[in-house]
C-alpha atoms as a PDB file:
ATOM      1  CA  MET A   1     -31.672  21.351  90.864  1.00  0.00           C
ATOM      2  CA  VAL A   2     -34.291  19.400  93.953  1.00  0.00           C
ATOM      3  CA  ALA A   3     -36.387  18.626  91.087  1.00  0.00           C
ATOM      4  CA  LEU A   4     -33.232  16.908  89.504  1.00  0.00           C
ATOM      5  CA  SER A   5     -31.921  15.575  93.775  1.00  0.00           C
ATOM      6  CA  ARG A   6     -35.786  13.642  93.598  1.00  0.00           C
ATOM      7  CA  VAL A   7     -35.427  11.818  89.978  1.00  0.00           C
ATOM      8  CA  ARG A   8     -32.127  10.979  90.608  1.00  0.00           C
ATOM      9  CA  SER A   9     -33.415   9.561  94.078  1.00  0.00           C
ATOM     10  CA  ALA A  10     -36.148   8.042  92.830  1.00  0.00           C
ATOM     11  CA  VAL A  11     -34.251   5.758  89.349  1.00  0.00           C
ATOM     12  CA  LEU A  12     -32.040   4.815  91.888  1.00  0.00           C
ATOM     13  CA  THR A  13     -34.564   3.039  94.134  1.00  0.00           C
ATOM     14  CA  LEU A  14     -35.825   1.831  91.207  1.00  0.00           C
ATOM     15  CA  ALA A  15     -32.448   1.181  89.609  1.00  0.00           C
ATOM     16  CA  ALA A  16     -31.742  -1.682  92.260  1.00  0.00           C
ATOM     17  CA  TYR A  17     -35.979  -2.799  92.150  1.00  0.00           C
ATOM     18  CA  ALA A  18     -35.156  -3.726  89.290  1.00  0.00           C
ATOM     19  CA  VAL A  19     -31.481  -4.894  89.929  1.00  0.00           C
ATOM     20  CA  LEU A  20     -32.942  -6.433  93.008  1.00  0.00           C
ATOM     21  CA  GLY A  21     -35.748  -8.293  90.596  1.00  0.00           C
ATOM     22  CA  ALA A  22     -33.090  -9.578  87.919  1.00  0.00           C
ATOM     23  CA  ALA A  23     -31.313 -11.574  90.522  1.00  0.00           C
ATOM     24  CA  SER A  24     -35.233 -13.418  92.023  1.00  0.00           C
ATOM     25  CA  ALA A  25     -36.019 -13.478  88.841  1.00  0.00           C
ATOM     26  CA  TYR A  26     -32.559 -15.000  87.967  1.00  0.00           C
ATOM     27  CA  LEU A  27     -32.115 -17.276  91.018  1.00  0.00           C
ATOM     28  CA  VAL A  28     -35.773 -19.206  91.063  1.00  0.00           C
ATOM     29  CA  TRP A  29     -35.064 -19.836  87.437  1.00  0.00           C
ATOM     30  CA  GLY A  30     -32.503 -21.714  88.128  1.00  0.00           C
ATOM     31  CA  ALA A  31     -33.747 -23.233  91.567  1.00  0.00           C
ATOM     32  CA  SER A  32     -35.878 -24.602  89.637  1.00  0.00           C
ATOM     33  CA  GLN A  33     -34.629 -25.660  85.368  1.00  0.00           C
ATOM     34  CA  GLY A  34     -31.596 -25.318  86.578  1.00  0.00           C
ATOM     35  CA  GLU A  35     -28.699 -27.600  87.119  1.00  0.00           C
ATOM     36  CA  HIS A  36     -29.995 -28.594  90.164  1.00  0.00           C
ATOM     37  CA  GLY A  37     -32.958 -27.526  90.226  1.00  0.00           C
ATOM     38  CA  LEU A  38     -36.684 -29.138  89.928  1.00  0.00           C
ATOM     39  CA  LYS A  39     -36.300 -30.654  87.094  1.00  0.00           C
ATOM     40  CA  ALA A  40     -32.378 -32.071  87.540  1.00  0.00           C
ATOM     41  CA  MET A  41     -34.098 -33.552  90.444  1.00  0.00           C
ATOM     42  CA  ALA A  42     -36.744 -35.713  88.771  1.00  0.00           C
ATOM     43  CA  GLY A  43     -33.986 -36.715  86.533  1.00  0.00           C
ATOM     44  CA  TYR A  44     -31.886 -38.136  89.289  1.00  0.00           C
ATOM     45  CA  LYS A  45     -34.604 -39.286  90.245  1.00  0.00           C
ATOM     46  CA  THR A  46     -35.370 -41.534  88.287  1.00  0.00           C
ATOM     47  CA  GLU A  47     -31.917 -42.419  87.844  1.00  0.00           C
ATOM     48  CA  LEU A  48     -31.404 -43.812  91.108  1.00  0.00           C
ATOM     49  CA  SER A  49     -35.178 -45.879  90.499  1.00  0.00           C
ATOM     50  CA  GLY A  50     -33.489 -47.381  87.678  1.00  0.00           C
ATOM     51  CA  LEU A  51     -30.356 -48.320  88.810  1.00  0.00           C
ATOM     52  CA  ASN A  52     -31.860 -49.035  92.335  1.00  0.00           C
ATOM     53  CA  ALA A  53     -33.361 -52.327  90.040  1.00  0.00           C
ATOM     54  CA  GLN A  54     -30.365 -52.456  88.119  1.00  0.00           C
ATOM     55  CA  LEU A  55     -28.968 -53.334  91.566  1.00  0.00           C
ATOM     56  CA  ALA A  56     -31.494 -55.615  92.152  1.00  0.00           C
ATOM     57  CA  ASP A  57     -31.184 -57.592  89.375  1.00  0.00           C
ATOM     58  CA  LEU A  58     -26.769 -57.716  90.324  1.00  0.00           C
ATOM     59  CA  ARG A  59     -27.882 -59.230  93.436  1.00  0.00           C
ATOM     60  CA  ARG A  60     -30.370 -61.877  92.150  1.00  0.00           C
ATOM     61  CA  GLU A  61     -27.581 -62.273  89.996  1.00  0.00           C
ATOM     62  CA  ARG A  62     -25.153 -62.104  93.189  1.00  0.00           C
ATOM     63  CA  GLU A  63     -26.726 -64.604  94.816  1.00  0.00           C
ATOM     64  CA  VAL A  64     -27.249 -67.175  92.684  1.00  0.00           C
ATOM     65  CA  TRP A  65     -23.409 -67.614  91.750  1.00  0.00           C
ATOM     66  CA  ARG A  66     -22.706 -67.946  95.390  1.00  0.00           C
ATOM     67  CA  ILE A  67     -24.946 -70.863  95.714  1.00  0.00           C
ATOM     68  CA  ARG A  68     -23.105 -72.055  93.009  1.00  0.00           C
ATOM     69  CA  VAL A  69     -20.399 -71.746  94.145  1.00  0.00           C
ATOM     70  CA  ARG A  70     -21.201 -73.108  98.104  1.00  0.00           C
ATOM     71  CA  ASP A  71     -22.780 -76.584  95.204  1.00  0.00           C
ATOM     72  CA  MET A  72     -19.779 -76.621  94.555  1.00  0.00           C
ATOM     73  CA  SER A  73     -17.482 -77.655  97.904  1.00  0.00           C
ATOM     74  CA  PRO A  74     -16.635 -81.128  98.761  1.00  0.00           C
ATOM     75  CA  SER A  75     -19.897 -81.827 101.408  1.00  0.00           C
ATOM     76  CA  SER A  76     -22.211 -80.576 100.121  1.00  0.00           C
ATOM     77  CA  VAL A  77     -22.081 -82.188  96.229  1.00  0.00           C
ATOM     78  CA  SER A  78     -19.929 -86.263  95.710  1.00  0.00           C
ATOM     79  CA  ARG A  79     -17.171 -86.234  93.362  1.00  0.00           C
ATOM     80  CA  ASP A  80     -18.754 -88.622  90.807  1.00  0.00           C
ATOM     81  CA  LEU A  81     -22.063 -85.811  90.525  1.00  0.00           C
ATOM     82  CA  LEU A  82     -19.119 -83.391  89.508  1.00  0.00           C
ATOM     83  CA  ASP A  83     -16.964 -85.619  87.770  1.00  0.00           C
ATOM     84  CA  GLY A  84     -20.336 -86.035  85.632  1.00  0.00           C
ATOM     85  CA  GLU A  85     -21.502 -83.715  85.501  1.00  0.00           C
ATOM     86  CA  ALA A  86     -18.571 -81.702  84.092  1.00  0.00           C
ATOM     87  CA  HIS A  87     -18.301 -84.583  80.529  1.00  0.00           C
ATOM     88  CA  ALA A  88     -21.941 -83.605  80.584  1.00  0.00           C
ATOM     89  CA  MET A  89     -21.169 -79.500  80.307  1.00  0.00           C
ATOM     90  CA  LEU A  90     -18.310 -80.818  77.592  1.00  0.00           C
ATOM     91  CA  ASP A  91     -19.197 -83.540  75.941  1.00  0.00           C
ATOM     92  CA  ARG A  92     -15.653 -85.427  76.662  1.00  0.00           C
ATOM     93  CA  VAL A  93     -15.378 -88.977  78.452  1.00  0.00           C
ATOM     94  CA  ASP A  94     -12.456 -91.074  80.696  1.00  0.00           C
ATOM     95  CA  LYS A  95     -10.607 -93.595  78.424  1.00  0.00           C
ATOM     96  CA  GLY A  96     -12.720 -96.192  81.155  1.00  0.00           C
ATOM     97  CA  GLU A  97     -15.132 -94.189  79.885  1.00  0.00           C
ATOM     98  CA  VAL A  98     -17.475 -95.901  77.204  1.00  0.00           C
ATOM     99  CA  ALA A  99     -20.012 -93.512  75.627  1.00  0.00           C
ATOM    100  CA  VAL A 100     -24.085 -94.600  74.428  1.00  0.00           C
ATOM    101  CA  LEU A 101     -24.442 -92.394  70.891  1.00  0.00           C
ATOM    102  CA  LEU A 102     -28.346 -91.177  70.702  1.00  0.00           C
ATOM    103  CA  THR A 103     -30.146 -89.351  68.542  1.00  0.00           C
ATOM    104  CA  PRO A 104     -32.712 -86.733  69.838  1.00  0.00           C
ATOM    105  CA  GLU A 105     -35.464 -88.421  68.772  1.00  0.00           C
ATOM    106  CA  GLN A 106     -34.096 -91.023  71.685  1.00  0.00           C
ATOM    107  CA  ARG A 107     -33.328 -88.774  73.988  1.00  0.00           C
ATOM    108  CA  ALA A 108     -37.160 -87.350  74.122  1.00  0.00           C
ATOM    109  CA  GLY A 109     -38.314 -90.843  75.142  1.00  0.00           C
ATOM    110  CA  ARG A 110     -39.926 -90.991  71.583  1.00  0.00           C
END
């Protein structure tokens, strides 16, 4: 009876240590490999650097568009220059204008 009690006590102690060891191993594995672990954090940092680069590109593009819009305001550009640029971009001429057609060689100044 005493021997059985000692064996039971030893087995329960070893079982408790085994359960706690397994739980600790699971938590350590989760901290390094899991969804919020070290490997995931490295992936998030890589994704963050890519998104920061994309944000910088978008900010530069926004600045370019902000400057273009600012330059289109009536106080910064002459109406004639704006009209001429619009005609050139749309390949249109006004009724009272004379169009001179040039070949590509003439445009290049040859």
